[in-house]
Amino acid sequence: MDKTVRALEDLSATDSQLGGDAPLTAEFVRALEKRRAALRDAIPEAFLAAYDALGRMGRRPAVVQVRNAHCGGCYLRLPPQLASAIRHRQSLRSCPHCRRLLYSPGPGGGQASRSPSSSALCWRARLRSGCAEFPGGGLLGSGGPLPRDKSGAGSKYPLSSLRSSLSS
């Protein structure tokens, strides 16, 4: 499947170069057409038919990457079952909204994923374990309101000390 995706992406790039507004030399056009023919021979007929249909509809690029369960062409959210099948790289599938061919990059391929900072990971781990301290006292995720009484016990700044500082 990786070869098919690469061939479809190369075909799309070649077609965009041939159809572009930039002036091309005759020799370069012949080289592009030769490359285009070789790429079309390498792509299975079913995918080639879908690619050609998308080209006739004006949907370029015809092959797009799935990012965070969203189509890379129309940016609409994909149904979970479809996103899962694409993520597991079972085959090329079409987007139910725009009909573009969807693929998921292989491990280590595509764009580098952003990794959260270590402090964010630490904060998330503390939240999951229920040990994150809240600035007003008590534990976040302890299941109840923060412990306070009229004197402000349990907080970093007791209410009595705040009242005395405000009145003076």
N, C-alpha and C. Protein backbone atom coordinates (compact mmCIF):
# COMPACT_ATOMS: atom_id res chain seq x y z
N MET A 1 0.82 -1.19 0.00
CA MET A 1 0.00 0.00 0.00
C MET A 1 0.86 1.26 0.00
N ASP A 2 2.02 1.23 0.67
CA ASP A 2 2.89 2.40 0.71
C ASP A 2 3.35 2.80 -0.69
N LYS A 3 3.64 1.81 -1.52
CA LYS A 3 4.07 2.10 -2.89
C LYS A 3 2.95 2.77 -3.68
N THR A 4 1.73 2.30 -3.46
CA THR A 4 0.58 2.88 -4.16
C THR A 4 0.38 4.33 -3.74
N VAL A 5 0.47 4.59 -2.45
CA VAL A 5 0.29 5.96 -1.94
C VAL A 5 1.37 6.86 -2.51
N ARG A 6 2.62 6.40 -2.46
CA ARG A 6 3.71 7.21 -3.01
C ARG A 6 3.52 7.47 -4.50
N ALA A 7 3.09 6.44 -5.23
CA ALA A 7 2.87 6.60 -6.68
C ALA A 7 1.74 7.58 -6.94
N LEU A 8 0.66 7.51 -6.15
CA LEU A 8 -0.46 8.45 -6.33
C LEU A 8 -0.03 9.88 -6.00
N GLU A 9 0.75 10.05 -4.94
CA GLU A 9 1.23 11.39 -4.60
C GLU A 9 2.15 11.94 -5.69
N ASP A 10 3.04 11.09 -6.20
CA ASP A 10 3.93 11.52 -7.28
C ASP A 10 3.15 11.86 -8.55
N LEU A 11 2.14 11.06 -8.84
CA LEU A 11 1.29 11.33 -10.01
C LEU A 11 0.57 12.66 -9.85
N SER A 12 0.09 12.93 -8.65
CA SER A 12 -0.58 14.19 -8.38
C SER A 12 0.38 15.37 -8.56
N ALA A 13 1.61 15.23 -8.06
CA ALA A 13 2.60 16.29 -8.22
C ALA A 13 2.97 16.49 -9.69
N THR A 14 3.10 15.39 -10.42
CA THR A 14 3.43 15.46 -11.84
C THR A 14 2.30 16.13 -12.62
N ASP A 15 1.06 15.76 -12.30
CA ASP A 15 -0.08 16.38 -12.98
C ASP A 15 -0.17 17.87 -12.69
N SER A 16 0.13 18.26 -11.44
CA SER A 16 0.07 19.68 -11.11
C SER A 16 1.18 20.46 -11.82
N GLN A 17 2.34 19.83 -12.03
CA GLN A 17 3.41 20.49 -12.78
C GLN A 17 3.02 20.64 -14.24
N LEU A 18 2.40 19.61 -14.80
CA LEU A 18 1.99 19.69 -16.21
C LEU A 18 0.87 20.69 -16.42
N GLY A 19 -0.03 20.80 -15.46
CA GLY A 19 -1.17 21.69 -15.60
C GLY A 19 -0.93 23.09 -15.07
N GLY A 20 0.25 23.35 -14.54
CA GLY A 20 0.55 24.65 -13.96
C GLY A 20 0.71 25.73 -15.01
N ASP A 21 0.82 26.95 -14.51
CA ASP A 21 0.96 28.12 -15.40
C ASP A 21 2.41 28.41 -15.78
N ALA A 22 3.34 27.77 -15.09
CA ALA A 22 4.75 28.05 -15.36
C ALA A 22 5.14 27.52 -16.75
N PRO A 23 5.92 28.31 -17.50
CA PRO A 23 6.36 27.85 -18.83
C PRO A 23 7.35 26.68 -18.68
N LEU A 24 7.14 25.63 -19.44
CA LEU A 24 8.00 24.45 -19.39
C LEU A 24 8.63 24.22 -20.75
N THR A 25 9.84 23.73 -20.73
CA THR A 25 10.50 23.40 -21.99
C THR A 25 9.91 22.10 -22.53
N ALA A 26 10.03 21.91 -23.82
CA ALA A 26 9.48 20.71 -24.46
C ALA A 26 10.14 19.45 -23.92
N GLU A 27 11.42 19.52 -23.65
CA GLU A 27 12.14 18.36 -23.12
C GLU A 27 11.63 18.00 -21.72
N PHE A 28 11.39 19.02 -20.90
CA PHE A 28 10.90 18.79 -19.54
C PHE A 28 9.49 18.21 -19.58
N VAL A 29 8.66 18.71 -20.49
CA VAL A 29 7.28 18.19 -20.62
C VAL A 29 7.32 16.72 -21.04
N ARG A 30 8.20 16.36 -21.97
CA ARG A 30 8.32 14.95 -22.37
C ARG A 30 8.75 14.08 -21.20
N ALA A 31 9.69 14.57 -20.39
CA ALA A 31 10.16 13.81 -19.22
C ALA A 31 9.02 13.62 -18.21
N LEU A 32 8.23 14.68 -18.01
CA LEU A 32 7.09 14.58 -17.08
C LEU A 32 6.04 13.61 -17.60
N GLU A 33 5.77 13.65 -18.90
CA GLU A 33 4.77 12.74 -19.46
C GLU A 33 5.24 11.29 -19.39
N LYS A 34 6.52 11.07 -19.58
CA LYS A 34 7.07 9.72 -19.45
C LYS A 34 6.95 9.22 -18.02
N ARG A 35 7.27 10.09 -17.07
CA ARG A 35 7.14 9.75 -15.65
C ARG A 35 5.69 9.48 -15.29
N ARG A 36 4.81 10.30 -15.84
CA ARG A 36 3.37 10.14 -15.57
C ARG A 36 2.88 8.79 -16.07
N ALA A 37 3.31 8.38 -17.25
CA ALA A 37 2.90 7.09 -17.81
C ALA A 37 3.42 5.94 -16.96
N ALA A 38 4.67 6.04 -16.49
CA ALA A 38 5.24 4.99 -15.64
C ALA A 38 4.50 4.90 -14.32
N LEU A 39 4.14 6.05 -13.76
CA LEU A 39 3.40 6.05 -12.49
C LEU A 39 2.00 5.46 -12.66
N ARG A 40 1.34 5.80 -13.75
CA ARG A 40 -0.01 5.26 -14.00
C ARG A 40 0.03 3.74 -14.18
N ASP A 41 1.13 3.20 -14.72
CA ASP A 41 1.26 1.76 -14.87
C ASP A 41 1.44 1.07 -13.51
N ALA A 42 2.03 1.78 -12.55
CA ALA A 42 2.32 1.19 -11.24
C ALA A 42 1.13 1.21 -10.29
N ILE A 43 0.09 1.97 -10.63
CA ILE A 43 -1.06 2.13 -9.73
C ILE A 43 -2.16 1.16 -10.15
N PRO A 44 -2.77 0.45 -9.18
CA PRO A 44 -3.88 -0.45 -9.50
C PRO A 44 -5.05 0.30 -10.14
N GLU A 45 -5.77 -0.39 -11.01
CA GLU A 45 -6.85 0.23 -11.80
C GLU A 45 -7.93 0.89 -10.94
N ALA A 46 -8.32 0.25 -9.84
CA ALA A 46 -9.38 0.80 -9.00
C ALA A 46 -9.00 2.17 -8.44
N PHE A 47 -7.76 2.29 -7.96
CA PHE A 47 -7.30 3.57 -7.42
C PHE A 47 -7.09 4.59 -8.52
N LEU A 48 -6.67 4.13 -9.67
CA LEU A 48 -6.46 5.04 -10.80
C LEU A 48 -7.79 5.61 -11.29
N ALA A 49 -8.82 4.78 -11.30
CA ALA A 49 -10.15 5.26 -11.70
C ALA A 49 -10.67 6.30 -10.71
N ALA A 50 -10.47 6.05 -9.40
CA ALA A 50 -10.90 7.02 -8.39
C ALA A 50 -10.10 8.31 -8.51
N TYR A 51 -8.79 8.19 -8.77
CA TYR A 51 -7.93 9.36 -8.93
C TYR A 51 -8.40 10.21 -10.12
N ASP A 52 -8.68 9.55 -11.25
CA ASP A 52 -9.13 10.28 -12.44
C ASP A 52 -10.48 10.96 -12.21
N ALA A 53 -11.38 10.28 -11.50
CA ALA A 53 -12.69 10.86 -11.21
C ALA A 53 -12.54 12.11 -10.32
N LEU A 54 -11.67 12.03 -9.35
CA LEU A 54 -11.44 13.19 -8.49
C LEU A 54 -10.83 14.34 -9.28
N GLY A 55 -9.96 14.02 -10.21
CA GLY A 55 -9.36 15.06 -11.06
C GLY A 55 -10.41 15.74 -11.92
N ARG A 56 -11.36 14.97 -12.45
CA ARG A 56 -12.42 15.56 -13.26
C ARG A 56 -13.32 16.46 -12.43
N MET A 57 -13.49 16.13 -11.14
CA MET A 57 -14.31 16.95 -10.25
C MET A 57 -13.56 18.17 -9.73
N GLY A 58 -12.25 18.22 -9.97
CA GLY A 58 -11.46 19.35 -9.51
C GLY A 58 -10.98 19.21 -8.07
N ARG A 59 -11.00 18.03 -7.55
CA ARG A 59 -10.56 17.80 -6.17
C ARG A 59 -9.07 17.49 -6.17
N ARG A 60 -8.27 18.50 -5.99
CA ARG A 60 -6.82 18.34 -5.91
C ARG A 60 -6.36 18.86 -4.57
N PRO A 61 -5.49 18.19 -3.88
CA PRO A 61 -4.91 16.90 -4.21
C PRO A 61 -5.93 15.79 -4.01
N ALA A 62 -5.78 14.74 -4.77
CA ALA A 62 -6.72 13.63 -4.73
C ALA A 62 -6.40 12.66 -3.60
N VAL A 63 -5.15 12.62 -3.17
CA VAL A 63 -4.72 11.73 -2.11
C VAL A 63 -4.25 12.59 -0.95
N VAL A 64 -4.89 12.43 0.23
CA VAL A 64 -4.56 13.28 1.37
C VAL A 64 -4.33 12.43 2.61
N GLN A 65 -3.60 13.00 3.51
CA GLN A 65 -3.26 12.32 4.76
C GLN A 65 -4.34 12.59 5.81
N VAL A 66 -4.61 11.59 6.63
CA VAL A 66 -5.54 11.74 7.74
C VAL A 66 -4.75 12.28 8.92
N ARG A 67 -5.26 13.34 9.51
CA ARG A 67 -4.61 13.94 10.67
C ARG A 67 -5.62 14.06 11.79
N ASN A 68 -5.35 13.37 12.87
CA ASN A 68 -6.19 13.45 14.06
C ASN A 68 -7.65 13.13 13.73
N ALA A 69 -7.86 12.08 12.95
CA ALA A 69 -9.18 11.59 12.54
C ALA A 69 -9.95 12.60 11.71
N HIS A 70 -9.24 13.49 11.02
CA HIS A 70 -9.86 14.46 10.11
C HIS A 70 -9.27 14.29 8.72
N CYS A 71 -10.10 14.47 7.72
CA CYS A 71 -9.65 14.40 6.33
C CYS A 71 -8.71 15.58 6.06
N GLY A 72 -7.62 15.31 5.35
CA GLY A 72 -6.67 16.37 5.01
C GLY A 72 -7.12 17.21 3.84
N GLY A 73 -8.24 16.86 3.20
CA GLY A 73 -8.74 17.62 2.07
C GLY A 73 -9.87 18.56 2.45
N CYS A 74 -10.90 18.02 3.11
CA CYS A 74 -12.06 18.84 3.49
C CYS A 74 -12.04 19.20 4.97
N TYR A 75 -11.16 18.61 5.73
CA TYR A 75 -10.96 18.88 7.15
C TYR A 75 -12.15 18.50 8.03
N LEU A 76 -13.03 17.67 7.51
CA LEU A 76 -14.16 17.21 8.31
C LEU A 76 -13.77 15.94 9.07
N ARG A 77 -14.42 15.73 10.20
CA ARG A 77 -14.11 14.57 11.04
C ARG A 77 -14.61 13.30 10.38
N LEU A 78 -13.79 12.27 10.43
CA LEU A 78 -14.13 10.98 9.84
C LEU A 78 -14.86 10.12 10.86
N PRO A 79 -15.73 9.24 10.41
CA PRO A 79 -16.37 8.30 11.33
C PRO A 79 -15.29 7.45 12.02
N PRO A 80 -15.48 7.12 13.30
CA PRO A 80 -14.45 6.41 14.05
C PRO A 80 -14.00 5.10 13.42
N GLN A 81 -14.94 4.34 12.87
CA GLN A 81 -14.57 3.06 12.27
C GLN A 81 -13.67 3.25 11.05
N LEU A 82 -13.97 4.25 10.24
CA LEU A 82 -13.16 4.54 9.07
C LEU A 82 -11.77 5.05 9.48
N ALA A 83 -11.74 5.95 10.47
CA ALA A 83 -10.45 6.48 10.94
C ALA A 83 -9.59 5.36 11.50
N SER A 84 -10.20 4.41 12.18
CA SER A 84 -9.45 3.28 12.73
C SER A 84 -8.88 2.40 11.61
N ALA A 85 -9.69 2.13 10.60
CA ALA A 85 -9.22 1.30 9.48
C ALA A 85 -8.06 1.97 8.76
N ILE A 86 -8.13 3.27 8.59
CA ILE A 86 -7.05 4.00 7.92
C ILE A 86 -5.81 4.04 8.80
N ARG A 87 -6.01 4.25 10.10
CA ARG A 87 -4.88 4.29 11.03
C ARG A 87 -4.15 2.96 11.07
N HIS A 88 -4.89 1.86 10.94
CA HIS A 88 -4.27 0.54 10.93
C HIS A 88 -3.75 0.16 9.54
N ARG A 89 -3.86 1.11 8.62
CA ARG A 89 -3.29 0.99 7.28
C ARG A 89 -3.77 -0.25 6.55
N GLN A 90 -5.08 -0.52 6.65
CA GLN A 90 -5.63 -1.69 5.98
C GLN A 90 -5.67 -1.49 4.46
N SER A 91 -6.11 -0.33 4.02
CA SER A 91 -6.09 0.01 2.60
C SER A 91 -6.42 1.48 2.44
N LEU A 92 -6.31 1.95 1.22
CA LEU A 92 -6.74 3.33 0.94
C LEU A 92 -8.25 3.36 0.99
N ARG A 93 -8.79 4.35 1.64
CA ARG A 93 -10.24 4.51 1.72
C ARG A 93 -10.58 5.91 1.22
N SER A 94 -11.85 6.10 0.86
CA SER A 94 -12.24 7.43 0.42
C SER A 94 -13.00 8.14 1.53
N CYS A 95 -12.85 9.45 1.58
CA CYS A 95 -13.53 10.28 2.57
C CYS A 95 -15.03 10.27 2.25
N PRO A 96 -15.89 10.06 3.23
CA PRO A 96 -17.32 10.05 2.95
C PRO A 96 -17.87 11.43 2.60
N HIS A 97 -17.11 12.49 2.87
CA HIS A 97 -17.57 13.85 2.61
C HIS A 97 -17.12 14.39 1.26
N CYS A 98 -15.81 14.25 0.95
CA CYS A 98 -15.27 14.84 -0.28
C CYS A 98 -14.79 13.79 -1.28
N ARG A 99 -14.77 12.53 -0.91
CA ARG A 99 -14.39 11.39 -1.76
C ARG A 99 -12.89 11.31 -2.07
N ARG A 100 -12.06 12.15 -1.42
CA ARG A 100 -10.62 12.05 -1.64
C ARG A 100 -10.11 10.73 -1.05
N LEU A 101 -9.01 10.24 -1.61
CA LEU A 101 -8.40 9.01 -1.10
C LEU A 101 -7.59 9.35 0.14
N LEU A 102 -7.81 8.59 1.20
CA LEU A 102 -7.19 8.88 2.49
C LEU A 102 -6.14 7.84 2.83
N TYR A 103 -5.07 8.28 3.47
CA TYR A 103 -4.04 7.35 3.94
C TYR A 103 -3.50 7.87 5.26
N SER A 104 -2.87 6.97 5.98
CA SER A 104 -2.21 7.31 7.23
C SER A 104 -0.73 7.03 7.05
N PRO A 105 0.13 7.95 7.47
CA PRO A 105 1.57 7.72 7.29
C PRO A 105 2.03 6.56 8.17
N GLY A 106 3.06 5.90 7.72
CA GLY A 106 3.61 4.78 8.48
C GLY A 106 4.34 5.27 9.71
N PRO A 107 4.77 4.35 10.56
CA PRO A 107 5.52 4.75 11.74
C PRO A 107 6.81 5.45 11.33
N GLY A 108 7.01 6.63 11.93
CA GLY A 108 8.21 7.40 11.59
C GLY A 108 8.04 8.19 10.30
N GLY A 109 6.91 8.03 9.62
CA GLY A 109 6.70 8.76 8.37
C GLY A 109 5.80 9.95 8.60
N GLY A 110 5.62 10.74 7.56
CA GLY A 110 4.76 11.91 7.67
C GLY A 110 5.41 12.98 8.52
N GLN A 111 4.58 13.82 9.10
CA GLN A 111 5.09 14.89 9.92
C GLN A 111 5.43 14.37 11.30
N ALA A 112 6.41 14.99 11.91
CA ALA A 112 6.77 14.60 13.27
C ALA A 112 5.66 15.04 14.21
N SER A 113 5.24 14.13 15.05
CA SER A 113 4.17 14.48 15.99
C SER A 113 4.76 15.30 17.12
N ARG A 114 3.95 16.23 17.58
CA ARG A 114 4.40 17.08 18.67
C ARG A 114 4.26 16.30 19.97
N SER A 115 5.33 16.29 20.73
CA SER A 115 5.25 15.61 22.02
C SER A 115 5.06 16.66 23.10
N PRO A 116 4.14 16.42 24.02
CA PRO A 116 3.91 17.40 25.07
C PRO A 116 5.14 17.52 25.96
N SER A 117 5.26 18.66 26.58
CA SER A 117 6.42 18.89 27.44
C SER A 117 6.38 17.96 28.63
N SER A 118 7.52 17.78 29.26
CA SER A 118 7.60 16.86 30.38
C SER A 118 6.75 17.35 31.54
N SER A 119 6.64 18.68 31.73
CA SER A 119 5.82 19.18 32.81
C SER A 119 4.35 18.88 32.56
N ALA A 120 3.92 18.94 31.30
CA ALA A 120 2.53 18.60 30.98
C ALA A 120 2.27 17.13 31.23
N LEU A 121 3.24 16.28 30.87
CA LEU A 121 3.08 14.85 31.12
C LEU A 121 3.01 14.57 32.62
N CYS A 122 3.85 15.25 33.39
CA CYS A 122 3.86 15.07 34.83
C CYS A 122 2.53 15.53 35.43
N TRP A 123 2.01 16.66 34.97
CA TRP A 123 0.74 17.18 35.45
C TRP A 123 -0.39 16.20 35.13
N ARG A 124 -0.39 15.65 33.91
CA ARG A 124 -1.43 14.69 33.55
C ARG A 124 -1.35 13.43 34.41
N ALA A 125 -0.13 12.97 34.69
CA ALA A 125 0.02 11.78 35.53
C ALA A 125 -0.50 12.05 36.93
N ARG A 126 -0.22 13.23 37.46
CA ARG A 126 -0.73 13.56 38.80
C ARG A 126 -2.24 13.67 38.79
N LEU A 127 -2.83 14.21 37.73
CA LEU A 127 -4.28 14.31 37.65
C LEU A 127 -4.92 12.93 37.63
N ARG A 128 -4.33 12.01 36.86
CA ARG A 128 -4.88 10.66 36.78
C ARG A 128 -4.82 9.94 38.11
N SER A 129 -3.75 10.17 38.86
CA SER A 129 -3.61 9.47 40.14
C SER A 129 -4.38 10.16 41.25
N GLY A 130 -4.89 11.38 41.00
CA GLY A 130 -5.66 12.09 42.02
C GLY A 130 -4.78 12.78 43.03
N CYS A 131 -3.52 13.02 42.70
CA CYS A 131 -2.59 13.61 43.65
C CYS A 131 -2.23 15.05 43.32
N ALA A 132 -2.95 15.69 42.45
CA ALA A 132 -2.62 17.07 42.11
C ALA A 132 -3.17 17.98 43.18
N GLU A 133 -2.30 18.79 43.78
CA GLU A 133 -2.74 19.68 44.82
C GLU A 133 -3.29 20.94 44.20
N PHE A 134 -4.38 21.41 44.75
CA PHE A 134 -5.02 22.62 44.29
C PHE A 134 -4.50 23.77 45.13
N PRO A 135 -4.27 24.97 44.55
CA PRO A 135 -3.70 26.07 45.32
C PRO A 135 -4.50 26.44 46.56
N GLY A 136 -5.79 26.21 46.56
CA GLY A 136 -6.61 26.58 47.72
C GLY A 136 -6.63 25.51 48.78
N GLY A 137 -5.87 24.47 48.66
CA GLY A 137 -5.88 23.37 49.61
C GLY A 137 -6.71 22.23 49.07
N GLY A 138 -6.52 21.05 49.56
CA GLY A 138 -7.27 19.90 49.10
C GLY A 138 -6.64 19.31 47.86
N LEU A 139 -7.25 18.25 47.38
CA LEU A 139 -6.73 17.56 46.21
C LEU A 139 -7.70 17.71 45.06
N LEU A 140 -7.15 17.93 43.90
CA LEU A 140 -7.96 17.97 42.70
C LEU A 140 -8.36 16.55 42.36
N GLY A 141 -9.60 16.35 42.10
CA GLY A 141 -10.07 15.01 41.79
C GLY A 141 -10.35 14.20 43.04
N SER A 142 -10.48 14.86 44.20
CA SER A 142 -10.75 14.12 45.43
C SER A 142 -12.21 13.79 45.56
N GLY A 143 -13.05 14.33 44.68
CA GLY A 143 -14.45 13.95 44.67
C GLY A 143 -15.33 14.87 45.48
N GLY A 144 -14.83 15.89 46.07
CA GLY A 144 -15.67 16.78 46.86
C GLY A 144 -15.16 18.19 46.83
N PRO A 145 -15.87 19.08 47.51
CA PRO A 145 -15.42 20.47 47.53
C PRO A 145 -14.14 20.61 48.35
N LEU A 146 -13.48 21.70 48.13
CA LEU A 146 -12.24 21.94 48.86
C LEU A 146 -12.56 22.16 50.33
N PRO A 147 -11.76 21.59 51.24
CA PRO A 147 -12.05 21.74 52.65
C PRO A 147 -11.77 23.16 53.13
N ARG A 148 -12.79 23.83 53.65
CA ARG A 148 -12.66 25.18 54.19
C ARG A 148 -13.64 25.33 55.34
N ASP A 149 -13.28 26.15 56.24
CA ASP A 149 -14.24 26.53 57.27
C ASP A 149 -14.25 28.04 57.35
N LYS A 150 -14.98 28.60 58.29
CA LYS A 150 -15.14 30.05 58.36
C LYS A 150 -13.83 30.77 58.61
N SER A 151 -12.91 30.12 59.30
CA SER A 151 -11.64 30.78 59.59
C SER A 151 -10.66 30.67 58.41
N GLY A 152 -11.02 29.87 57.42
CA GLY A 152 -10.14 29.72 56.27
C GLY A 152 -9.15 28.61 56.45
N ALA A 153 -9.36 27.75 57.43
CA ALA A 153 -8.43 26.64 57.65
C ALA A 153 -8.41 25.75 56.42
N GLY A 154 -7.25 25.29 56.07
CA GLY A 154 -7.10 24.42 54.91
C GLY A 154 -6.66 25.18 53.68
N SER A 155 -6.60 26.50 53.78
CA SER A 155 -6.13 27.25 52.62
C SER A 155 -4.77 27.85 52.94
N LYS A 156 -4.09 28.28 51.93
CA LYS A 156 -2.76 28.84 52.10
C LYS A 156 -2.83 30.17 52.84
N TYR A 157 -3.86 30.95 52.58
CA TYR A 157 -4.04 32.25 53.20
C TYR A 157 -5.33 32.22 54.01
N PRO A 158 -5.26 32.08 55.33
CA PRO A 158 -6.47 32.04 56.14
C PRO A 158 -7.26 33.34 55.99
N LEU A 159 -8.58 33.21 56.01
CA LEU A 159 -9.44 34.39 55.85
C LEU A 159 -9.25 35.38 56.98
N SER A 160 -8.97 34.89 58.17
CA SER A 160 -8.80 35.80 59.31
C SER A 160 -7.61 36.73 59.07
N SER A 161 -6.52 36.22 58.51
CA SER A 161 -5.36 37.08 58.26
C SER A 161 -5.66 38.09 57.14
N LEU A 162 -6.46 37.68 56.17
CA LEU A 162 -6.83 38.61 55.11
C LEU A 162 -7.73 39.70 55.64
N ARG A 163 -8.67 39.33 56.52
CA ARG A 163 -9.58 40.35 57.11
C ARG A 163 -8.80 41.35 57.94
N SER A 164 -7.85 40.86 58.71
CA SER A 164 -7.09 41.75 59.58
C SER A 164 -6.21 42.68 58.74
N SER A 165 -5.67 42.20 57.63
CA SER A 165 -4.84 43.06 56.80
C SER A 165 -5.65 44.09 56.05
N LEU A 166 -6.90 43.75 55.72
CA LEU A 166 -7.76 44.70 55.02
C LEU A 166 -8.29 45.77 55.95
N SER A 167 -8.55 45.44 57.19
CA SER A 167 -9.13 46.40 58.12
C SER A 167 -8.09 47.39 58.63
N SER A 168 -6.82 47.09 58.55
CA SER A 168 -5.81 48.01 59.08
C SER A 168 -5.34 49.00 58.06
